Amino acid sequence: MNTVKVKREELLTKVRSNRDAHRTLFLKAQEGYRKLVIEELDRMLADAKAGRPIARSINLVEPADHTEDYDRVLAMLEMSVDDTVILGAEEFSQYVLDCWTWSRFAISTNQSYAAGSPVPRPSRDEEDY
């Protein structure tokens, strides 16, 4: 099966639900990310004050926010005059199953930050400056 006809209102409900779940996870990830950045900056400041070598960069991947992808689909569906919409396999995968090309990376990154997962850091002996 390459296409499916779906009720526009049911699809709107599903995409809104997926969007809300993504946005909630992103906002929680953003909190965890900021906490880790502050911890890293505090460590760098302590190293500077103590006269130790100072790391000059923070290697943390930012949380991924793809809310605009959902918003674009929602706007298109809201403006549609049709009661039914035909979706191809890829669109169905994205809009209904919430499986986008960016999903795997975004979800794993955001879940890690949302859970407050510590970022592995090398020991003092292994650090290169």
C-alpha atoms as a PDB file:
ATOM      1  CA  MET A   1       0.000   0.000   0.000  1.00  0.00           C
ATOM      2  CA  ASN A   2       1.486   3.334  -1.041  1.00  0.00           C
ATOM      3  CA  THR A   3      -1.289   5.739  -0.030  1.00  0.00           C
ATOM      4  CA  VAL A   4      -4.099   5.977   2.469  1.00  0.00           C
ATOM      5  CA  LYS A   5      -7.106   8.277   2.723  1.00  0.00           C
ATOM      6  CA  VAL A   6      -7.624   9.641   6.239  1.00  0.00           C
ATOM      7  CA  LYS A   7     -10.117  11.934   7.902  1.00  0.00           C
ATOM      8  CA  ARG A   8      -8.596  15.386   8.182  1.00  0.00           C
ATOM      9  CA  GLU A   9      -9.912  15.966  11.734  1.00  0.00           C
ATOM     10  CA  GLU A  10      -8.477  12.657  12.977  1.00  0.00           C
ATOM     11  CA  LEU A  11      -5.146  13.477  11.381  1.00  0.00           C
ATOM     12  CA  LEU A  12      -5.168  16.942  12.967  1.00  0.00           C
ATOM     13  CA  THR A  13      -5.732  15.344  16.372  1.00  0.00           C
ATOM     14  CA  LYS A  14      -2.881  12.878  15.854  1.00  0.00           C
ATOM     15  CA  VAL A  15      -0.381  15.490  14.620  1.00  0.00           C
ATOM     16  CA  ARG A  16      -1.299  17.834  17.504  1.00  0.00           C
ATOM     17  CA  SER A  17      -0.722  15.021  19.984  1.00  0.00           C
ATOM     18  CA  ASN A  18       2.646  14.173  18.414  1.00  0.00           C
ATOM     19  CA  ARG A  19       3.604  17.869  18.376  1.00  0.00           C
ATOM     20  CA  ASP A  20       2.678  18.348  22.035  1.00  0.00           C
ATOM     21  CA  ALA A  21       4.687  15.282  23.077  1.00  0.00           C
ATOM     22  CA  HIS A  22       7.702  16.484  21.088  1.00  0.00           C
ATOM     23  CA  ARG A  23       7.482  20.013  22.493  1.00  0.00           C
ATOM     24  CA  THR A  24       7.122  18.783  26.082  1.00  0.00           C
ATOM     25  CA  LEU A  25      10.166  16.540  25.742  1.00  0.00           C
ATOM     26  CA  PHE A  26      12.170  19.331  24.091  1.00  0.00           C
ATOM     27  CA  LEU A  27      11.393  21.825  26.877  1.00  0.00           C
ATOM     28  CA  LYS A  28      12.405  19.292  29.538  1.00  0.00           C
ATOM     29  CA  ALA A  29      15.576  18.540  27.555  1.00  0.00           C
ATOM     30  CA  GLN A  30      16.326  22.267  27.334  1.00  0.00           C
ATOM     31  CA  GLU A  31      16.243  22.469  31.141  1.00  0.00           C
ATOM     32  CA  GLY A  32      18.655  19.536  31.482  1.00  0.00           C
ATOM     33  CA  TYR A  33      20.936  20.952  28.802  1.00  0.00           C
ATOM     34  CA  ARG A  34      21.124  24.358  30.495  1.00  0.00           C
ATOM     35  CA  LYS A  35      21.924  22.686  33.825  1.00  0.00           C
ATOM     36  CA  LEU A  36      24.814  20.758  32.259  1.00  0.00           C
ATOM     37  CA  VAL A  37      26.140  23.854  30.473  1.00  0.00           C
ATOM     38  CA  ILE A  38      26.116  25.796  33.747  1.00  0.00           C
ATOM     39  CA  GLU A  39      27.924  22.949  35.507  1.00  0.00           C
ATOM     40  CA  GLU A  40      30.555  22.905  32.775  1.00  0.00           C
ATOM     41  CA  LEU A  41      30.994  26.696  32.893  1.00  0.00           C
ATOM     42  CA  ASP A  42      31.349  26.552  36.683  1.00  0.00           C
ATOM     43  CA  ARG A  43      34.039  23.891  36.285  1.00  0.00           C
ATOM     44  CA  MET A  44      35.864  26.008  33.712  1.00  0.00           C
ATOM     45  CA  LEU A  45      35.692  29.042  36.001  1.00  0.00           C
ATOM     46  CA  ALA A  46      37.023  27.002  38.937  1.00  0.00           C
ATOM     47  CA  ASP A  47      39.916  25.781  36.761  1.00  0.00           C
ATOM     48  CA  ALA A  48      40.706  29.358  35.722  1.00  0.00           C
ATOM     49  CA  LYS A  49      40.652  30.603  39.321  1.00  0.00           C
ATOM     50  CA  ALA A  50      42.869  27.708  40.459  1.00  0.00           C
ATOM     51  CA  GLY A  51      45.405  28.309  37.698  1.00  0.00           C
ATOM     52  CA  ARG A  52      44.726  24.959  36.020  1.00  0.00           C
ATOM     53  CA  PRO A  53      44.471  24.543  32.252  1.00  0.00           C
ATOM     54  CA  ILE A  54      41.136  25.821  31.005  1.00  0.00           C
ATOM     55  CA  ALA A  55      38.885  24.020  28.564  1.00  0.00           C
ATOM     56  CA  ARG A  56      37.886  26.551  25.922  1.00  0.00           C
ATOM     57  CA  SER A  57      34.824  24.866  24.548  1.00  0.00           C
ATOM     58  CA  ILE A  58      31.798  22.946  25.709  1.00  0.00           C
ATOM     59  CA  ASN A  59      31.065  19.889  23.629  1.00  0.00           C
ATOM     60  CA  LEU A  60      27.385  19.339  24.292  1.00  0.00           C
ATOM     61  CA  VAL A  61      24.896  18.753  21.509  1.00  0.00           C
ATOM     62  CA  GLU A  62      21.948  21.108  21.787  1.00  0.00           C
ATOM     63  CA  PRO A  63      18.499  19.597  22.257  1.00  0.00           C
ATOM     64  CA  ALA A  64      16.633  19.251  18.987  1.00  0.00           C
ATOM     65  CA  ASP A  65      13.428  21.243  18.475  1.00  0.00           C
ATOM     66  CA  HIS A  66      11.386  20.304  15.425  1.00  0.00           C
ATOM     67  CA  THR A  67       8.147  21.948  16.527  1.00  0.00           C
ATOM     68  CA  GLU A  68       8.084  23.959  13.293  1.00  0.00           C
ATOM     69  CA  ASP A  69       7.819  20.735  11.281  1.00  0.00           C
ATOM     70  CA  TYR A  70       4.622  19.857  13.129  1.00  0.00           C
ATOM     71  CA  ASP A  71       3.323  23.423  12.930  1.00  0.00           C
ATOM     72  CA  ARG A  72       3.728  23.483   9.153  1.00  0.00           C
ATOM     73  CA  VAL A  73       1.727  20.264   8.767  1.00  0.00           C
ATOM     74  CA  LEU A  74      -0.931  21.519  11.174  1.00  0.00           C
ATOM     75  CA  ALA A  75      -1.293  24.816   9.302  1.00  0.00           C
ATOM     76  CA  MET A  76      -1.685  22.976   6.009  1.00  0.00           C
ATOM     77  CA  LEU A  77      -4.308  20.642   7.466  1.00  0.00           C
ATOM     78  CA  GLU A  78      -6.188  23.500   9.130  1.00  0.00           C
ATOM     79  CA  MET A  79      -6.346  25.423   5.855  1.00  0.00           C
ATOM     80  CA  SER A  80      -7.413  22.433   3.801  1.00  0.00           C
ATOM     81  CA  VAL A  81     -11.026  22.532   2.569  1.00  0.00           C
ATOM     82  CA  ASP A  82     -11.109  18.738   2.196  1.00  0.00           C
ATOM     83  CA  ASP A  83     -12.648  16.453   4.804  1.00  0.00           C
ATOM     84  CA  THR A  84     -10.257  13.677   3.830  1.00  0.00           C
ATOM     85  CA  VAL A  85      -6.560  13.755   3.016  1.00  0.00           C
ATOM     86  CA  ILE A  86      -4.523  11.288   1.001  1.00  0.00           C
ATOM     87  CA  LEU A  87      -1.171  10.467   2.588  1.00  0.00           C
ATOM     88  CA  GLY A  88       1.743   8.703   0.980  1.00  0.00           C
ATOM     89  CA  ALA A  89       3.723   6.123   2.960  1.00  0.00           C
ATOM     90  CA  GLU A  90       6.365   8.636   4.054  1.00  0.00           C
ATOM     91  CA  GLU A  91       3.789  11.238   5.120  1.00  0.00           C
ATOM     92  CA  PHE A  92       1.886   8.583   7.061  1.00  0.00           C
ATOM     93  CA  SER A  93       5.102   7.535   8.779  1.00  0.00           C
ATOM     94  CA  GLN A  94       5.833  11.127   9.786  1.00  0.00           C
ATOM     95  CA  TYR A  95       2.388  12.482  10.657  1.00  0.00           C
ATOM     96  CA  VAL A  96       0.751   9.408  12.183  1.00  0.00           C
ATOM     97  CA  LEU A  97       3.600   7.193  13.381  1.00  0.00           C
ATOM     98  CA  ASP A  98       5.748  10.208  14.332  1.00  0.00           C
ATOM     99  CA  CYS A  99       8.758   8.724  12.574  1.00  0.00           C
ATOM    100  CA  TRP A 100      10.622  11.571  10.831  1.00  0.00           C
ATOM    101  CA  THR A 101      14.097  11.510   9.308  1.00  0.00           C
ATOM    102  CA  TRP A 102      15.378  13.365  12.371  1.00  0.00           C
ATOM    103  CA  SER A 103      13.397  11.359  14.973  1.00  0.00           C
ATOM    104  CA  ARG A 104      15.963   8.852  16.176  1.00  0.00           C
ATOM    105  CA  PHE A 105      18.691  11.435  16.880  1.00  0.00           C
ATOM    106  CA  ALA A 106      16.320  14.069  18.288  1.00  0.00           C
ATOM    107  CA  ILE A 107      14.530  11.672  20.605  1.00  0.00           C
ATOM    108  CA  SER A 108      17.689  10.074  21.986  1.00  0.00           C
ATOM    109  CA  THR A 109      19.334  13.475  22.544  1.00  0.00           C
ATOM    110  CA  ASN A 110      16.260  15.010  24.124  1.00  0.00           C
ATOM    111  CA  GLN A 111      15.526  11.985  26.317  1.00  0.00           C
ATOM    112  CA  SER A 112      19.092  11.997  27.612  1.00  0.00           C
ATOM    113  CA  TYR A 113      18.927  15.647  28.634  1.00  0.00           C
ATOM    114  CA  ALA A 114      15.383  15.309  29.992  1.00  0.00           C
ATOM    115  CA  ALA A 115      16.547  12.438  32.211  1.00  0.00           C
ATOM    116  CA  GLY A 116      19.511  14.523  33.403  1.00  0.00           C
ATOM    117  CA  SER A 117      21.999  12.016  32.024  1.00  0.00           C
ATOM    118  CA  PRO A 118      25.527  13.083  32.882  1.00  0.00           C
ATOM    119  CA  VAL A 119      27.845  13.839  30.022  1.00  0.00           C
ATOM    120  CA  PRO A 120      30.873  11.545  30.127  1.00  0.00           C
ATOM    121  CA  ARG A 121      33.991  13.592  30.772  1.00  0.00           C
ATOM    122  CA  PRO A 122      37.585  12.442  30.582  1.00  0.00           C
ATOM    123  CA  SER A 123      39.534  12.288  33.812  1.00  0.00           C
ATOM    124  CA  ARG A 124      41.973  15.126  34.547  1.00  0.00           C
ATOM    125  CA  ASP A 125      44.836  12.912  33.363  1.00  0.00           C
ATOM    126  CA  GLU A 126      43.177  12.356  29.969  1.00  0.00           C
ATOM    127  CA  GLU A 127      42.222  15.968  29.234  1.00  0.00           C
ATOM    128  CA  ASP A 128      43.962  17.735  26.390  1.00  0.00           C
ATOM    129  CA  TYR A 129      44.120  21.503  26.283  1.00  0.00           C
END
